[in-house]
Amino acid sequence: MKITVFYDYICPFCYLTATRLDALSREFDLEIDWKGVEIHPEFPPQGKKLSKSIKSLKRVAIIKDTALEEGEGVKLPGFVTNSRLSLEASEFAKTMNRFREFHHGIYEAYFVKGQNIGDMNIILQVGEKASLEKTALEECLKNRTMYDRIEENKKEAGKNSVLGVPTLFLERFPVHGNQSLETLRKLIRRAIEKS
């Protein structure tokens, strides 16, 4: 079954969705097409400290509670950053058949280790751990080789009325926002039965 996922690396719910889909890939024959879209291009690559407003503290509590429900750990880094280069690097990783390793590595860097994934050096470190050739990845990022692919993802998201991430399409059936592992399992099973 084909699933298209619109995601961004600075979204904790996208991280949880990636973890859940990884688990469900062991249960179902899934072909997942990951489409990175930058949800906050205004955030600087050097990072910006999160405010301690009541609204942001409530958001943090919701994210942590959601993750804990299924025993998943999410450590919010306390800052936001620009994800554009990480998204471009993920497209490069696809061309090298190392996407899964890089994808999970970037999420882990940001949401487990609290590293700035807007920093090219961090991206290169994650790339090396994912067995990407450092010089080739660095050249790709400096030359912005994958810039157009992220722009294409953005256009495709617009055409499909994607208003936020994560947004999944189970074949052509849209699923918006964070879903529990069990809910995703039921939706996938139902979609497979209907196809």
Foldseek 3Di string as FASTA:
>chain_A
DEKEWEAFLLDLLQLVVLVLVVVCVVVDVYDYHYAYEWPCQPFALVWDFDDPDPVVVVVVVVSQVQCVVVPHAWAALRTTHTRQLLNLLLVVCVVVVLNSQLVNLSSCVCGPVSHRNSDVVSSLVSCVVSVHDSVVSVVCSVVVVSVVSNVVSVVVCVVLVNPDPGWMALPNRIDDTHDDSVVVSVVNVVSVVVD
